[in-house]
Amino acid sequence: MAAFRFRAQAARDLRRRQYEDAQRQVAEAEHDRSVAEGRLHRATDAVADAQRAAAGAQTRGIAAHELDWYRSWIDRLVHERHAHTVILNACTRRAADATAACHHARQRWEALERFYEKAKRAHEAAESATERKLIDELATRRYAAARIVGP
């Protein structure tokens, strides 16, 4: 009997590669989101540290120009924290989009896999039926030959 050959094997391979690419993109997006989240946490800690330093300097009684310097420093850190928040939001959206695309690619790949399995089962069933017919034919011939020769 002929070996099983899936006609849509090229499409099956393509969808598998697309699914693997989508998984890589999800991993990259999650990594970028994690890095952005870490940067945001460091920026938040920097703002809190700067505010504590400014409060400590103010209680020691510093000059007005030094207090202005602390305010400017804190404003810059708050601005950086806001920028990191925007970056984190963008990374989170990108990760969500990549996850959705990966889910879609997985569905497409699994649909073709189900079609492949169905075709393979049909081929195996046909092969089994052919084998049964051959065995039945051989048994019939053997029986007929035994009847002709006699006991």
C-alpha atoms as a PDB file:
ATOM      1  CA  MET A   1       0.000   0.000   0.000  1.00  0.00           C
ATOM      2  CA  ALA A   2       1.177   3.527  -0.696  1.00  0.00           C
ATOM      3  CA  ALA A   3       2.703   5.542   2.115  1.00  0.00           C
ATOM      4  CA  PHE A   4       0.591   8.279   3.668  1.00  0.00           C
ATOM      5  CA  ARG A   5       1.137  11.631   1.996  1.00  0.00           C
ATOM      6  CA  PHE A   6      -0.594  14.720   3.330  1.00  0.00           C
ATOM      7  CA  ARG A   7      -1.282  17.083   0.445  1.00  0.00           C
ATOM      8  CA  ALA A   8      -1.392  20.178   2.637  1.00  0.00           C
ATOM      9  CA  GLN A   9       1.957  19.419   4.324  1.00  0.00           C
ATOM     10  CA  ALA A  10       3.470  22.706   3.124  1.00  0.00           C
ATOM     11  CA  ALA A  11       0.593  24.643   4.698  1.00  0.00           C
ATOM     12  CA  ARG A  12       0.936  22.566   7.869  1.00  0.00           C
ATOM     13  CA  ASP A  13       4.653  23.395   8.096  1.00  0.00           C
ATOM     14  CA  LEU A  14       3.960  27.065   7.385  1.00  0.00           C
ATOM     15  CA  ARG A  15       1.326  27.311  10.110  1.00  0.00           C
ATOM     16  CA  ARG A  16       3.642  25.570  12.569  1.00  0.00           C
ATOM     17  CA  ARG A  17       6.382  28.120  11.795  1.00  0.00           C
ATOM     18  CA  GLN A  18       3.883  30.973  12.126  1.00  0.00           C
ATOM     19  CA  TYR A  19       2.808  29.642  15.520  1.00  0.00           C
ATOM     20  CA  GLU A  20       6.425  29.330  16.663  1.00  0.00           C
ATOM     21  CA  ASP A  21       7.150  32.876  15.445  1.00  0.00           C
ATOM     22  CA  ALA A  22       4.100  34.136  17.332  1.00  0.00           C
ATOM     23  CA  GLN A  23       5.343  32.383  20.480  1.00  0.00           C
ATOM     24  CA  ARG A  24       8.740  34.090  20.088  1.00  0.00           C
ATOM     25  CA  GLN A  25       7.032  37.457  19.668  1.00  0.00           C
ATOM     26  CA  VAL A  26       5.012  36.869  22.846  1.00  0.00           C
ATOM     27  CA  ALA A  27       8.186  35.990  24.723  1.00  0.00           C
ATOM     28  CA  GLU A  28       9.959  39.111  23.434  1.00  0.00           C
ATOM     29  CA  ALA A  29       6.978  41.330  24.253  1.00  0.00           C
ATOM     30  CA  GLU A  30       6.706  39.868  27.761  1.00  0.00           C
ATOM     31  CA  HIS A  31      10.429  40.385  28.277  1.00  0.00           C
ATOM     32  CA  ASP A  32      10.166  44.005  27.120  1.00  0.00           C
ATOM     33  CA  ARG A  33       7.187  44.512  29.434  1.00  0.00           C
ATOM     34  CA  SER A  34       9.104  43.031  32.343  1.00  0.00           C
ATOM     35  CA  VAL A  35      12.088  45.299  31.668  1.00  0.00           C
ATOM     36  CA  ALA A  36       9.802  48.343  31.414  1.00  0.00           C
ATOM     37  CA  GLU A  37       8.099  47.347  34.649  1.00  0.00           C
ATOM     38  CA  GLY A  38      11.474  47.107  36.398  1.00  0.00           C
ATOM     39  CA  ARG A  39      12.470  50.540  35.103  1.00  0.00           C
ATOM     40  CA  LEU A  40       9.188  52.007  36.330  1.00  0.00           C
ATOM     41  CA  HIS A  41       9.725  50.533  39.781  1.00  0.00           C
ATOM     42  CA  ARG A  42      13.264  51.968  39.894  1.00  0.00           C
ATOM     43  CA  ALA A  43      11.961  55.365  38.767  1.00  0.00           C
ATOM     44  CA  THR A  44       9.257  55.270  41.455  1.00  0.00           C
ATOM     45  CA  ASP A  45      11.855  54.384  44.078  1.00  0.00           C
ATOM     46  CA  ALA A  46      14.094  57.211  42.831  1.00  0.00           C
ATOM     47  CA  VAL A  47      11.252  59.726  43.242  1.00  0.00           C
ATOM     48  CA  ALA A  48      10.544  58.489  46.755  1.00  0.00           C
ATOM     49  CA  ASP A  49      14.244  58.630  47.660  1.00  0.00           C
ATOM     50  CA  ALA A  50      14.546  62.145  46.250  1.00  0.00           C
ATOM     51  CA  GLN A  51      11.491  63.296  48.200  1.00  0.00           C
ATOM     52  CA  ARG A  52      12.940  61.845  51.409  1.00  0.00           C
ATOM     53  CA  ALA A  53      16.283  63.521  50.710  1.00  0.00           C
ATOM     54  CA  ALA A  54      14.560  66.852  50.064  1.00  0.00           C
ATOM     55  CA  ALA A  55      12.512  66.533  53.250  1.00  0.00           C
ATOM     56  CA  GLY A  56      15.666  65.710  55.236  1.00  0.00           C
ATOM     57  CA  ALA A  57      17.520  68.662  53.739  1.00  0.00           C
ATOM     58  CA  GLN A  58      14.582  70.957  54.454  1.00  0.00           C
ATOM     59  CA  THR A  59      14.509  69.917  58.111  1.00  0.00           C
ATOM     60  CA  ARG A  60      18.237  70.702  58.351  1.00  0.00           C
ATOM     61  CA  GLY A  61      17.473  74.171  57.090  1.00  0.00           C
ATOM     62  CA  ILE A  62      19.036  74.568  53.669  1.00  0.00           C
ATOM     63  CA  ALA A  63      19.209  77.648  51.474  1.00  0.00           C
ATOM     64  CA  ALA A  64      16.369  78.522  49.103  1.00  0.00           C
ATOM     65  CA  HIS A  65      18.418  77.879  45.953  1.00  0.00           C
ATOM     66  CA  GLU A  66      19.266  74.369  47.236  1.00  0.00           C
ATOM     67  CA  LEU A  67      15.581  73.745  47.908  1.00  0.00           C
ATOM     68  CA  ASP A  68      14.832  74.844  44.327  1.00  0.00           C
ATOM     69  CA  TRP A  69      17.477  72.404  43.132  1.00  0.00           C
ATOM     70  CA  TYR A  70      15.723  69.570  45.020  1.00  0.00           C
ATOM     71  CA  ARG A  71      12.379  70.560  43.499  1.00  0.00           C
ATOM     72  CA  SER A  72      13.849  70.576  39.999  1.00  0.00           C
ATOM     73  CA  TRP A  73      15.484  67.228  40.632  1.00  0.00           C
ATOM     74  CA  ILE A  74      12.213  65.741  41.871  1.00  0.00           C
ATOM     75  CA  ASP A  75      10.315  67.231  38.908  1.00  0.00           C
ATOM     76  CA  ARG A  76      12.788  65.612  36.500  1.00  0.00           C
ATOM     77  CA  LEU A  77      12.435  62.254  38.278  1.00  0.00           C
ATOM     78  CA  VAL A  78       8.617  62.523  38.211  1.00  0.00           C
ATOM     79  CA  HIS A  79       8.794  63.298  34.482  1.00  0.00           C
ATOM     80  CA  GLU A  80      11.021  60.233  33.937  1.00  0.00           C
ATOM     81  CA  ARG A  81       8.607  58.098  35.975  1.00  0.00           C
ATOM     82  CA  HIS A  82       5.735  59.291  33.781  1.00  0.00           C
ATOM     83  CA  ALA A  83       7.741  58.428  30.649  1.00  0.00           C
ATOM     84  CA  HIS A  84       8.396  54.940  32.044  1.00  0.00           C
ATOM     85  CA  THR A  85       4.667  54.576  32.782  1.00  0.00           C
ATOM     86  CA  VAL A  86       3.843  55.403  29.159  1.00  0.00           C
ATOM     87  CA  ILE A  87       6.475  52.924  27.946  1.00  0.00           C
ATOM     88  CA  LEU A  88       5.116  50.215  30.266  1.00  0.00           C
ATOM     89  CA  ASN A  89       1.573  50.798  28.991  1.00  0.00           C
ATOM     90  CA  ALA A  90       2.778  50.493  25.388  1.00  0.00           C
ATOM     91  CA  CYS A  91       4.692  47.300  26.215  1.00  0.00           C
ATOM     92  CA  THR A  92       1.634  45.876  27.970  1.00  0.00           C
ATOM     93  CA  ARG A  93      -0.522  46.591  24.900  1.00  0.00           C
ATOM     94  CA  ARG A  94       2.110  45.046  22.639  1.00  0.00           C
ATOM     95  CA  ALA A  95       2.249  41.931  24.844  1.00  0.00           C
ATOM     96  CA  ALA A  96      -1.543  41.645  24.796  1.00  0.00           C
ATOM     97  CA  ASP A  97      -1.605  42.025  20.997  1.00  0.00           C
ATOM     98  CA  ALA A  98       1.164  39.430  20.614  1.00  0.00           C
ATOM     99  CA  THR A  99      -0.708  37.036  22.899  1.00  0.00           C
ATOM    100  CA  ALA A 100      -3.887  37.439  20.858  1.00  0.00           C
ATOM    101  CA  ALA A 101      -1.959  36.897  17.611  1.00  0.00           C
ATOM    102  CA  CYS A 102      -0.309  33.815  19.099  1.00  0.00           C
ATOM    103  CA  HIS A 103      -3.684  32.440  20.135  1.00  0.00           C
ATOM    104  CA  HIS A 104      -5.010  32.979  16.603  1.00  0.00           C
ATOM    105  CA  ALA A 105      -1.933  31.330  15.059  1.00  0.00           C
ATOM    106  CA  ARG A 106      -2.329  28.384  17.438  1.00  0.00           C
ATOM    107  CA  GLN A 107      -5.972  27.953  16.443  1.00  0.00           C
ATOM    108  CA  ARG A 108      -5.051  27.964  12.753  1.00  0.00           C
ATOM    109  CA  TRP A 109      -2.252  25.442  13.306  1.00  0.00           C
ATOM    110  CA  GLU A 110      -4.448  23.171  15.456  1.00  0.00           C
ATOM    111  CA  ALA A 111      -7.215  23.236  12.834  1.00  0.00           C
ATOM    112  CA  LEU A 112      -4.790  21.982  10.202  1.00  0.00           C
ATOM    113  CA  GLU A 113      -3.405  19.414  12.672  1.00  0.00           C
ATOM    114  CA  ARG A 114      -6.916  18.052  13.203  1.00  0.00           C
ATOM    115  CA  PHE A 115      -7.349  17.831   9.426  1.00  0.00           C
ATOM    116  CA  TYR A 116      -3.992  16.008   9.188  1.00  0.00           C
ATOM    117  CA  GLU A 117      -4.970  13.517  11.905  1.00  0.00           C
ATOM    118  CA  LYS A 118      -8.333  12.894  10.242  1.00  0.00           C
ATOM    119  CA  ALA A 119      -6.673  12.264   6.859  1.00  0.00           C
ATOM    120  CA  LYS A 120      -4.100   9.973   8.472  1.00  0.00           C
ATOM    121  CA  ARG A 121      -6.813   7.963  10.255  1.00  0.00           C
ATOM    122  CA  ALA A 122      -8.740   7.663   6.970  1.00  0.00           C
ATOM    123  CA  HIS A 123      -5.584   6.445   5.205  1.00  0.00           C
ATOM    124  CA  GLU A 124      -4.892   3.914   7.974  1.00  0.00           C
ATOM    125  CA  ALA A 125      -8.511   2.718   7.859  1.00  0.00           C
ATOM    126  CA  ALA A 126      -8.307   2.247   4.083  1.00  0.00           C
ATOM    127  CA  GLU A 127      -4.992   0.444   4.471  1.00  0.00           C
ATOM    128  CA  SER A 128      -6.489  -1.805   7.150  1.00  0.00           C
ATOM    129  CA  ALA A 129      -9.545  -2.540   4.974  1.00  0.00           C
ATOM    130  CA  THR A 130      -7.294  -3.460   2.047  1.00  0.00           C
ATOM    131  CA  GLU A 131      -5.264  -5.731   4.294  1.00  0.00           C
ATOM    132  CA  ARG A 132      -8.429  -7.404   5.624  1.00  0.00           C
ATOM    133  CA  LYS A 133      -9.661  -7.969   2.050  1.00  0.00           C
ATOM    134  CA  LEU A 134      -6.329  -9.554   1.151  1.00  0.00           C
ATOM    135  CA  ILE A 135      -6.411 -11.805   4.216  1.00  0.00           C
ATOM    136  CA  ASP A 136     -10.035 -12.775   3.477  1.00  0.00           C
ATOM    137  CA  GLU A 137      -9.152 -13.561  -0.122  1.00  0.00           C
ATOM    138  CA  LEU A 138      -6.201 -15.720   0.947  1.00  0.00           C
ATOM    139  CA  ALA A 139      -8.358 -17.532   3.493  1.00  0.00           C
ATOM    140  CA  THR A 140     -11.040 -18.138   0.859  1.00  0.00           C
ATOM    141  CA  ARG A 141      -8.480 -19.534  -1.589  1.00  0.00           C
ATOM    142  CA  ARG A 142      -6.977 -21.744   1.083  1.00  0.00           C
ATOM    143  CA  TYR A 143     -10.440 -23.018   2.025  1.00  0.00           C
ATOM    144  CA  ALA A 144     -11.347 -23.614  -1.623  1.00  0.00           C
ATOM    145  CA  ALA A 145      -8.050 -25.410  -2.245  1.00  0.00           C
ATOM    146  CA  ALA A 146      -8.625 -27.637   0.779  1.00  0.00           C
ATOM    147  CA  ARG A 147     -12.135 -28.489  -0.470  1.00  0.00           C
ATOM    148  CA  ILE A 148     -10.831 -29.430  -3.930  1.00  0.00           C
ATOM    149  CA  VAL A 149      -8.050 -31.648  -2.580  1.00  0.00           C
ATOM    150  CA  GLY A 150     -10.429 -33.200  -0.071  1.00  0.00           C
ATOM    151  CA  PRO A 151      -9.876 -34.653   3.365  1.00  0.00           C
END
